[in-house]
Amino acid sequence: MRPDVDELQTRLAERFPGAAIEVGDDSHLHAGHAGAAGGAGHFRVRLVSERFAGLGTVARHRLVYDAVHDWMPQRIHALVIDARTPAEAS
């Protein structure tokens, strides 16, 4: 039921063209957790994009959540997000 890493990576790449994107599946760390019981995944995402310039943390996270809102909470239970500009990442 949960998306695989490649599927999530593709979805984010469509929303953040040219961004450096790393996706990790941490679902195995949450086995037995109520949110994992239905098959939804726990992921960590690192995005480096100019699109985050001038935005605070909450606004950056909203952009990421907007990209996957239709997958939550049925396919994705939780996201750990690290969203930076290229200048912040270097």
PDB file of N, CA and C in Angstrom:
ATOM      1  N   MET A   1       0.812  -1.194   0.000  1.00  0.00           N
ATOM      2  CA  MET A   1       0.000   0.000   0.000  1.00  0.00           C
ATOM      3  C   MET A   1       0.862   1.266   0.000  1.00  0.00           C
ATOM      4  N   ARG A   2       1.927   1.266   0.773  1.00  0.00           N
ATOM      5  CA  ARG A   2       2.766   2.471   0.820  1.00  0.00           C
ATOM      6  C   ARG A   2       3.544   2.607  -0.491  1.00  0.00           C
ATOM      7  N   PRO A   3       3.887   3.832  -0.866  1.00  0.00           N
ATOM      8  CA  PRO A   3       4.698   3.995  -2.074  1.00  0.00           C
ATOM      9  C   PRO A   3       6.111   3.479  -1.810  1.00  0.00           C
ATOM     10  N   ASP A   4       6.789   3.045  -2.864  1.00  0.00           N
ATOM     11  CA  ASP A   4       8.185   2.685  -2.662  1.00  0.00           C
ATOM     12  C   ASP A   4       9.023   3.962  -2.813  1.00  0.00           C
ATOM     13  N   VAL A   5      10.284   3.860  -2.489  1.00  0.00           N
ATOM     14  CA  VAL A   5      11.174   5.021  -2.503  1.00  0.00           C
ATOM     15  C   VAL A   5      11.207   5.669  -3.890  1.00  0.00           C
ATOM     16  N   ASP A   6      11.270   4.856  -4.938  1.00  0.00           N
ATOM     17  CA  ASP A   6      11.323   5.408  -6.301  1.00  0.00           C
ATOM     18  C   ASP A   6      10.052   6.165  -6.656  1.00  0.00           C
ATOM     19  N   GLU A   7       8.923   5.649  -6.236  1.00  0.00           N
ATOM     20  CA  GLU A   7       7.643   6.300  -6.514  1.00  0.00           C
ATOM     21  C   GLU A   7       7.563   7.659  -5.816  1.00  0.00           C
ATOM     22  N   LEU A   8       7.994   7.710  -4.571  1.00  0.00           N
ATOM     23  CA  LEU A   8       8.002   8.966  -3.832  1.00  0.00           C
ATOM     24  C   LEU A   8       9.014   9.938  -4.435  1.00  0.00           C
ATOM     25  N   GLN A   9      10.167   9.440  -4.808  1.00  0.00           N
ATOM     26  CA  GLN A   9      11.204  10.262  -5.447  1.00  0.00           C
ATOM     27  C   GLN A   9      10.661  10.886  -6.738  1.00  0.00           C
ATOM     28  N   THR A  10       9.980  10.095  -7.549  1.00  0.00           N
ATOM     29  CA  THR A  10       9.412  10.586  -8.810  1.00  0.00           C
ATOM     30  C   THR A  10       8.375  11.667  -8.555  1.00  0.00           C
ATOM     31  N   ARG A  11       7.515  11.434  -7.591  1.00  0.00           N
ATOM     32  CA  ARG A  11       6.480  12.424  -7.265  1.00  0.00           C
ATOM     33  C   ARG A  11       7.111  13.745  -6.855  1.00  0.00           C
ATOM     34  N   LEU A  12       8.121  13.696  -6.007  1.00  0.00           N
ATOM     35  CA  LEU A  12       8.772  14.927  -5.554  1.00  0.00           C
ATOM     36  C   LEU A  12       9.533  15.610  -6.687  1.00  0.00           C
ATOM     37  N   ALA A  13      10.166  14.828  -7.553  1.00  0.00           N
ATOM     38  CA  ALA A  13      10.897  15.397  -8.692  1.00  0.00           C
ATOM     39  C   ALA A  13       9.956  16.130  -9.645  1.00  0.00           C
ATOM     40  N   GLU A  14       8.735  15.650  -9.779  1.00  0.00           N
ATOM     41  CA  GLU A  14       7.744  16.336 -10.615  1.00  0.00           C
ATOM     42  C   GLU A  14       7.384  17.696 -10.030  1.00  0.00           C
ATOM     43  N   ARG A  15       7.301  17.768  -8.712  1.00  0.00           N
ATOM     44  CA  ARG A  15       6.930  19.017  -8.035  1.00  0.00           C
ATOM     45  C   ARG A  15       8.105  19.959  -7.819  1.00  0.00           C
ATOM     46  N   PHE A  16       9.308  19.404  -7.768  1.00  0.00           N
ATOM     47  CA  PHE A  16      10.513  20.197  -7.508  1.00  0.00           C
ATOM     48  C   PHE A  16      11.543  19.920  -8.594  1.00  0.00           C
ATOM     49  N   PRO A  17      11.272  20.366  -9.842  1.00  0.00           N
ATOM     50  CA  PRO A  17      12.212  20.093 -10.938  1.00  0.00           C
ATOM     51  C   PRO A  17      13.593  20.684 -10.637  1.00  0.00           C
ATOM     52  N   GLY A  18      14.611  19.913 -10.923  1.00  0.00           N
ATOM     53  CA  GLY A  18      15.981  20.365 -10.719  1.00  0.00           C
ATOM     54  C   GLY A  18      16.475  20.257  -9.286  1.00  0.00           C
ATOM     55  N   ALA A  19      15.619  19.840  -8.365  1.00  0.00           N
ATOM     56  CA  ALA A  19      16.023  19.726  -6.967  1.00  0.00           C
ATOM     57  C   ALA A  19      16.870  18.477  -6.756  1.00  0.00           C
ATOM     58  N   ALA A  20      17.756  18.551  -5.781  1.00  0.00           N
ATOM     59  CA  ALA A  20      18.462  17.363  -5.306  1.00  0.00           C
ATOM     60  C   ALA A  20      17.537  16.719  -4.273  1.00  0.00           C
ATOM     61  N   ILE A  21      17.200  15.454  -4.486  1.00  0.00           N
ATOM     62  CA  ILE A  21      16.217  14.787  -3.636  1.00  0.00           C
ATOM     63  C   ILE A  21      16.767  13.447  -3.164  1.00  0.00           C
ATOM     64  N   GLU A  22      16.677  13.236  -1.869  1.00  0.00           N
ATOM     65  CA  GLU A  22      17.029  11.947  -1.270  1.00  0.00           C
ATOM     66  C   GLU A  22      15.817  11.465  -0.481  1.00  0.00           C
ATOM     67  N   VAL A  23      15.453  10.219  -0.668  1.00  0.00           N
ATOM     68  CA  VAL A  23      14.306   9.639   0.031  1.00  0.00           C
ATOM     69  C   VAL A  23      14.750   8.355   0.709  1.00  0.00           C
ATOM     70  N   GLY A  24      14.370   8.197   1.947  1.00  0.00           N
ATOM     71  CA  GLY A  24      14.642   6.962   2.676  1.00  0.00           C
ATOM     72  C   GLY A  24      13.363   6.418   3.280  1.00  0.00           C
ATOM     73  N   ASP A  25      13.233   5.111   3.291  1.00  0.00           N
ATOM     74  CA  ASP A  25      12.063   4.453   3.870  1.00  0.00           C
ATOM     75  C   ASP A  25      12.434   3.950   5.263  1.00  0.00           C
ATOM     76  N   ASP A  26      11.842   4.550   6.270  1.00  0.00           N
ATOM     77  CA  ASP A  26      12.095   4.169   7.657  1.00  0.00           C
ATOM     78  C   ASP A  26      10.962   3.326   8.239  1.00  0.00           C
ATOM     79  N   SER A  27      10.111   2.800   7.377  1.00  0.00           N
ATOM     80  CA  SER A  27       8.934   2.061   7.838  1.00  0.00           C
ATOM     81  C   SER A  27       9.302   0.895   8.748  1.00  0.00           C
ATOM     82  N   HIS A  28      10.406   0.232   8.447  1.00  0.00           N
ATOM     83  CA  HIS A  28      10.814  -0.926   9.258  1.00  0.00           C
ATOM     84  C   HIS A  28      11.103  -0.537  10.712  1.00  0.00           C
ATOM     85  N   LEU A  29      11.423   0.724  10.953  1.00  0.00           N
ATOM     86  CA  LEU A  29      11.703   1.191  12.311  1.00  0.00           C
ATOM     87  C   LEU A  29      10.425   1.401  13.118  1.00  0.00           C
ATOM     88  N   HIS A  30       9.279   1.369  12.422  1.00  0.00           N
ATOM     89  CA  HIS A  30       8.009   1.663  13.071  1.00  0.00           C
ATOM     90  C   HIS A  30       7.056   0.478  13.062  1.00  0.00           C
ATOM     91  N   ALA A  31       7.592  -0.708  12.867  1.00  0.00           N
ATOM     92  CA  ALA A  31       6.759  -1.916  12.895  1.00  0.00           C
ATOM     93  C   ALA A  31       6.028  -1.991  14.229  1.00  0.00           C
ATOM     94  N   GLY A  32       4.737  -2.264  14.166  1.00  0.00           N
ATOM     95  CA  GLY A  32       3.933  -2.332  15.384  1.00  0.00           C
ATOM     96  C   GLY A  32       3.308  -1.007  15.769  1.00  0.00           C
ATOM     97  N   HIS A  33       3.771   0.076  15.170  1.00  0.00           N
ATOM     98  CA  HIS A  33       3.215   1.400  15.428  1.00  0.00           C
ATOM     99  C   HIS A  33       1.819   1.468  14.819  1.00  0.00           C
ATOM    100  N   ALA A  34       0.888   2.129  15.485  1.00  0.00           N
ATOM    101  CA  ALA A  34      -0.503   2.179  15.014  1.00  0.00           C
ATOM    102  C   ALA A  34      -0.602   2.707  13.580  1.00  0.00           C
ATOM    103  N   GLY A  35       0.188   3.713  13.220  1.00  0.00           N
ATOM    104  CA  GLY A  35       0.142   4.268  11.874  1.00  0.00           C
ATOM    105  C   GLY A  35       0.676   3.335  10.816  1.00  0.00           C
ATOM    106  N   ALA A  36       1.508   2.392  11.223  1.00  0.00           N
ATOM    107  CA  ALA A  36       2.078   1.437  10.279  1.00  0.00           C
ATOM    108  C   ALA A  36       1.180   0.220  10.097  1.00  0.00           C
ATOM    109  N   ALA A  37       0.239   0.032  11.004  1.00  0.00           N
ATOM    110  CA  ALA A  37      -0.611  -1.155  10.969  1.00  0.00           C
ATOM    111  C   ALA A  37      -1.395  -1.267   9.666  1.00  0.00           C
ATOM    112  N   GLY A  38      -1.813  -0.156   9.095  1.00  0.00           N
ATOM    113  CA  GLY A  38      -2.590  -0.181   7.864  1.00  0.00           C
ATOM    114  C   GLY A  38      -1.736  -0.229   6.614  1.00  0.00           C
ATOM    115  N   GLY A  39      -0.426  -0.261   6.770  1.00  0.00           N
ATOM    116  CA  GLY A  39       0.467  -0.351   5.624  1.00  0.00           C
ATOM    117  C   GLY A  39       1.049   0.971   5.165  1.00  0.00           C
ATOM    118  N   ALA A  40       0.674   2.062   5.799  1.00  0.00           N
ATOM    119  CA  ALA A  40       1.221   3.376   5.423  1.00  0.00           C
ATOM    120  C   ALA A  40       2.678   3.462   5.849  1.00  0.00           C
ATOM    121  N   GLY A  41       3.482   4.192   5.069  1.00  0.00           N
ATOM    122  CA  GLY A  41       4.914   4.253   5.306  1.00  0.00           C
ATOM    123  C   GLY A  41       5.386   5.449   6.103  1.00  0.00           C
ATOM    124  N   HIS A  42       6.579   5.303   6.632  1.00  0.00           N
ATOM    125  CA  HIS A  42       7.302   6.363   7.324  1.00  0.00           C
ATOM    126  C   HIS A  42       8.540   6.656   6.482  1.00  0.00           C
ATOM    127  N   PHE A  43       8.673   7.891   6.022  1.00  0.00           N
ATOM    128  CA  PHE A  43       9.764   8.253   5.125  1.00  0.00           C
ATOM    129  C   PHE A  43      10.526   9.454   5.645  1.00  0.00           C
ATOM    130  N   ARG A  44      11.789   9.537   5.210  1.00  0.00           N
ATOM    131  CA  ARG A  44      12.584  10.750   5.429  1.00  0.00           C
ATOM    132  C   ARG A  44      12.952  11.288   4.054  1.00  0.00           C
ATOM    133  N   VAL A  45      12.837  12.598   3.927  1.00  0.00           N
ATOM    134  CA  VAL A  45      13.041  13.263   2.641  1.00  0.00           C
ATOM    135  C   VAL A  45      13.985  14.436   2.838  1.00  0.00           C
ATOM    136  N   ARG A  46      14.977  14.532   1.967  1.00  0.00           N
ATOM    137  CA  ARG A  46      15.872  15.697   1.943  1.00  0.00           C
ATOM    138  C   ARG A  46      15.767  16.309   0.553  1.00  0.00           C
ATOM    139  N   LEU A  47      15.353  17.566   0.520  1.00  0.00           N
ATOM    140  CA  LEU A  47      15.223  18.293  -0.739  1.00  0.00           C
ATOM    141  C   LEU A  47      16.072  19.545  -0.686  1.00  0.00           C
ATOM    142  N   VAL A  48      16.807  19.778  -1.747  1.00  0.00           N
ATOM    143  CA  VAL A  48      17.592  21.003  -1.887  1.00  0.00           C
ATOM    144  C   VAL A  48      17.084  21.677  -3.157  1.00  0.00           C
ATOM    145  N   SER A  49      16.456  22.846  -2.978  1.00  0.00           N
ATOM    146  CA  SER A  49      15.821  23.520  -4.104  1.00  0.00           C
ATOM    147  C   SER A  49      15.816  25.030  -3.897  1.00  0.00           C
ATOM    148  N   GLU A  50      15.998  25.754  -4.988  1.00  0.00           N
ATOM    149  CA  GLU A  50      15.877  27.217  -4.950  1.00  0.00           C
ATOM    150  C   GLU A  50      14.462  27.649  -4.596  1.00  0.00           C
ATOM    151  N   ARG A  51      13.520  26.754  -4.820  1.00  0.00           N
ATOM    152  CA  ARG A  51      12.117  27.075  -4.531  1.00  0.00           C
ATOM    153  C   ARG A  51      11.893  27.414  -3.055  1.00  0.00           C
ATOM    154  N   PHE A  52      12.791  26.999  -2.188  1.00  0.00           N
ATOM    155  CA  PHE A  52      12.654  27.266  -0.758  1.00  0.00           C
ATOM    156  C   PHE A  52      13.219  28.622  -0.339  1.00  0.00           C
ATOM    157  N   ALA A  53      13.864  29.325  -1.260  1.00  0.00           N
ATOM    158  CA  ALA A  53      14.465  30.627  -0.931  1.00  0.00           C
ATOM    159  C   ALA A  53      13.395  31.586  -0.408  1.00  0.00           C
ATOM    160  N   GLY A  54      13.701  32.217   0.689  1.00  0.00           N
ATOM    161  CA  GLY A  54      12.802  33.210   1.275  1.00  0.00           C
ATOM    162  C   GLY A  54      11.651  32.622   2.073  1.00  0.00           C
ATOM    163  N   LEU A  55      11.582  31.311   2.186  1.00  0.00           N
ATOM    164  CA  LEU A  55      10.494  30.662   2.919  1.00  0.00           C
ATOM    165  C   LEU A  55      10.986  30.128   4.251  1.00  0.00           C
ATOM    166  N   GLY A  56      10.131  30.187   5.236  1.00  0.00           N
ATOM    167  CA  GLY A  56      10.432  29.604   6.536  1.00  0.00           C
ATOM    168  C   GLY A  56      10.196  28.104   6.520  1.00  0.00           C
ATOM    169  N   THR A  57      10.515  27.460   7.609  1.00  0.00           N
ATOM    170  CA  THR A  57      10.409  26.013   7.712  1.00  0.00           C
ATOM    171  C   THR A  57       8.993  25.515   7.454  1.00  0.00           C
ATOM    172  N   VAL A  58       7.997  26.136   8.059  1.00  0.00           N
ATOM    173  CA  VAL A  58       6.619  25.679   7.902  1.00  0.00           C
ATOM    174  C   VAL A  58       6.175  25.789   6.446  1.00  0.00           C
ATOM    175  N   ALA A  59       6.483  26.882   5.781  1.00  0.00           N
ATOM    176  CA  ALA A  59       6.112  27.057   4.374  1.00  0.00           C
ATOM    177  C   ALA A  59       6.810  26.031   3.490  1.00  0.00           C
ATOM    178  N   ARG A  60       8.053  25.730   3.780  1.00  0.00           N
ATOM    179  CA  ARG A  60       8.785  24.718   3.018  1.00  0.00           C
ATOM    180  C   ARG A  60       8.136  23.345   3.182  1.00  0.00           C
ATOM    181  N   HIS A  61       7.805  23.012   4.422  1.00  0.00           N
ATOM    182  CA  HIS A  61       7.183  21.717   4.690  1.00  0.00           C
ATOM    183  C   HIS A  61       5.814  21.622   4.029  1.00  0.00           C
ATOM    184  N   ARG A  62       5.074  22.715   4.014  1.00  0.00           N
ATOM    185  CA  ARG A  62       3.767  22.716   3.345  1.00  0.00           C
ATOM    186  C   ARG A  62       3.909  22.383   1.869  1.00  0.00           C
ATOM    187  N   LEU A  63       4.931  22.935   1.219  1.00  0.00           N
ATOM    188  CA  LEU A  63       5.155  22.626  -0.197  1.00  0.00           C
ATOM    189  C   LEU A  63       5.398  21.137  -0.413  1.00  0.00           C
ATOM    190  N   VAL A  64       6.162  20.541   0.492  1.00  0.00           N
ATOM    191  CA  VAL A  64       6.445  19.111   0.372  1.00  0.00           C
ATOM    192  C   VAL A  64       5.166  18.302   0.632  1.00  0.00           C
ATOM    193  N   TYR A  65       4.454  18.636   1.690  1.00  0.00           N
ATOM    194  CA  TYR A  65       3.204  17.931   1.983  1.00  0.00           C
ATOM    195  C   TYR A  65       2.191  18.093   0.850  1.00  0.00           C
ATOM    196  N   ASP A  66       2.153  19.259   0.222  1.00  0.00           N
ATOM    197  CA  ASP A  66       1.244  19.475  -0.911  1.00  0.00           C
ATOM    198  C   ASP A  66       1.525  18.493  -2.047  1.00  0.00           C
ATOM    199  N   ALA A  67       2.780  18.123  -2.212  1.00  0.00           N
ATOM    200  CA  ALA A  67       3.160  17.201  -3.294  1.00  0.00           C
ATOM    201  C   ALA A  67       2.637  15.783  -3.059  1.00  0.00           C
ATOM    202  N   VAL A  68       2.365  15.427  -1.809  1.00  0.00           N
ATOM    203  CA  VAL A  68       1.945  14.051  -1.495  1.00  0.00           C
ATOM    204  C   VAL A  68       0.633  13.996  -0.706  1.00  0.00           C
ATOM    205  N   HIS A  69      -0.085  15.093  -0.663  1.00  0.00           N
ATOM    206  CA  HIS A  69      -1.286  15.161   0.181  1.00  0.00           C
ATOM    207  C   HIS A  69      -2.304  14.056  -0.116  1.00  0.00           C
ATOM    208  N   ASP A  70      -2.379  13.641  -1.370  1.00  0.00           N
ATOM    209  CA  ASP A  70      -3.349  12.608  -1.729  1.00  0.00           C
ATOM    210  C   ASP A  70      -2.923  11.213  -1.257  1.00  0.00           C
ATOM    211  N   TRP A  71      -1.700  11.073  -0.812  1.00  0.00           N
ATOM    212  CA  TRP A  71      -1.207   9.787  -0.297  1.00  0.00           C
ATOM    213  C   TRP A  71      -1.296   9.698   1.223  1.00  0.00           C
ATOM    214  N   MET A  72      -1.668  10.790   1.854  1.00  0.00           N
ATOM    215  CA  MET A  72      -1.713  10.807   3.312  1.00  0.00           C
ATOM    216  C   MET A  72      -3.162  10.728   3.788  1.00  0.00           C
ATOM    217  N   PRO A  73      -3.452   9.967   4.781  1.00  0.00           N
ATOM    218  CA  PRO A  73      -2.609   9.086   5.572  1.00  0.00           C
ATOM    219  C   PRO A  73      -2.643   7.631   5.101  1.00  0.00           C
ATOM    220  N   GLN A  74      -3.330   7.347   3.990  1.00  0.00           N
ATOM    221  CA  GLN A  74      -3.486   5.947   3.577  1.00  0.00           C
ATOM    222  C   GLN A  74      -2.175   5.308   3.131  1.00  0.00           C
ATOM    223  N   ARG A  75      -1.331   6.033   2.400  1.00  0.00           N
ATOM    224  CA  ARG A  75      -0.084   5.449   1.876  1.00  0.00           C
ATOM    225  C   ARG A  75       1.146   5.940   2.638  1.00  0.00           C
ATOM    226  N   ILE A  76       1.088   7.180   3.103  1.00  0.00           N
ATOM    227  CA  ILE A  76       2.195   7.751   3.886  1.00  0.00           C
ATOM    228  C   ILE A  76       1.641   8.170   5.235  1.00  0.00           C
ATOM    229  N   HIS A  77       2.213   7.623   6.278  1.00  0.00           N
ATOM    230  CA  HIS A  77       1.800   7.986   7.630  1.00  0.00           C
ATOM    231  C   HIS A  77       2.624   9.165   8.161  1.00  0.00           C
ATOM    232  N   ALA A  78       3.916   9.171   7.836  1.00  0.00           N
ATOM    233  CA  ALA A  78       4.790  10.200   8.397  1.00  0.00           C
ATOM    234  C   ALA A  78       5.933  10.533   7.447  1.00  0.00           C
ATOM    235  N   LEU A  79       6.309  11.818   7.452  1.00  0.00           N
ATOM    236  CA  LEU A  79       7.460  12.306   6.692  1.00  0.00           C
ATOM    237  C   LEU A  79       8.363  13.096   7.619  1.00  0.00           C
ATOM    238  N   VAL A  80       9.636  12.816   7.563  1.00  0.00           N
ATOM    239  CA  VAL A  80      10.635  13.664   8.205  1.00  0.00           C
ATOM    240  C   VAL A  80      11.242  14.465   7.062  1.00  0.00           C
ATOM    241  N   ILE A  81      11.126  15.781   7.135  1.00  0.00           N
ATOM    242  CA  ILE A  81      11.501  16.631   6.009  1.00  0.00           C
ATOM    243  C   ILE A  81      12.690  17.516   6.362  1.00  0.00           C
ATOM    244  N   ASP A  82      13.675  17.518   5.474  1.00  0.00           N
ATOM    245  CA  ASP A  82      14.811  18.436   5.535  1.00  0.00           C
ATOM    246  C   ASP A  82      14.785  19.195   4.206  1.00  0.00           C
ATOM    247  N   ALA A  83      14.311  20.430   4.242  1.00  0.00           N
ATOM    248  CA  ALA A  83      14.143  21.234   3.020  1.00  0.00           C
ATOM    249  C   ALA A  83      15.064  22.446   3.100  1.00  0.00           C
ATOM    250  N   ARG A  84      16.006  22.534   2.162  1.00  0.00           N
ATOM    251  CA  ARG A  84      17.010  23.601   2.184  1.00  0.00           C
ATOM    252  C   ARG A  84      17.189  24.226   0.804  1.00  0.00           C
ATOM    253  N   THR A  85      17.738  25.412   0.808  1.00  0.00           N
ATOM    254  CA  THR A  85      18.161  26.036  -0.450  1.00  0.00           C
ATOM    255  C   THR A  85      19.571  25.516  -0.764  1.00  0.00           C
ATOM    256  N   PRO A  86      20.018  25.656  -1.998  1.00  0.00           N
ATOM    257  CA  PRO A  86      21.393  25.235  -2.307  1.00  0.00           C
ATOM    258  C   PRO A  86      22.430  25.938  -1.444  1.00  0.00           C
ATOM    259  N   ALA A  87      22.223  27.210  -1.150  1.00  0.00           N
ATOM    260  CA  ALA A  87      23.175  27.946  -0.309  1.00  0.00           C
ATOM    261  C   ALA A  87      23.219  27.355   1.107  1.00  0.00           C
ATOM    262  N   GLU A  88      22.094  26.947   1.626  1.00  0.00           N
ATOM    263  CA  GLU A  88      22.043  26.358   2.973  1.00  0.00           C
ATOM    264  C   GLU A  88      22.658  24.957   2.997  1.00  0.00           C
ATOM    265  N   ALA A  89      22.582  24.276   1.888  1.00  0.00           N
ATOM    266  CA  ALA A  89      23.056  22.892   1.824  1.00  0.00           C
ATOM    267  C   ALA A  89      24.578  22.803   1.671  1.00  0.00           C
ATOM    268  N   SER A  90      25.186  23.887   1.199  1.00  0.00           N
ATOM    269  CA  SER A  90      26.640  23.819   0.966  1.00  0.00           C
ATOM    270  C   SER A  90      27.453  24.184   2.183  1.00  0.00           C
TER     271      SER A  90
END
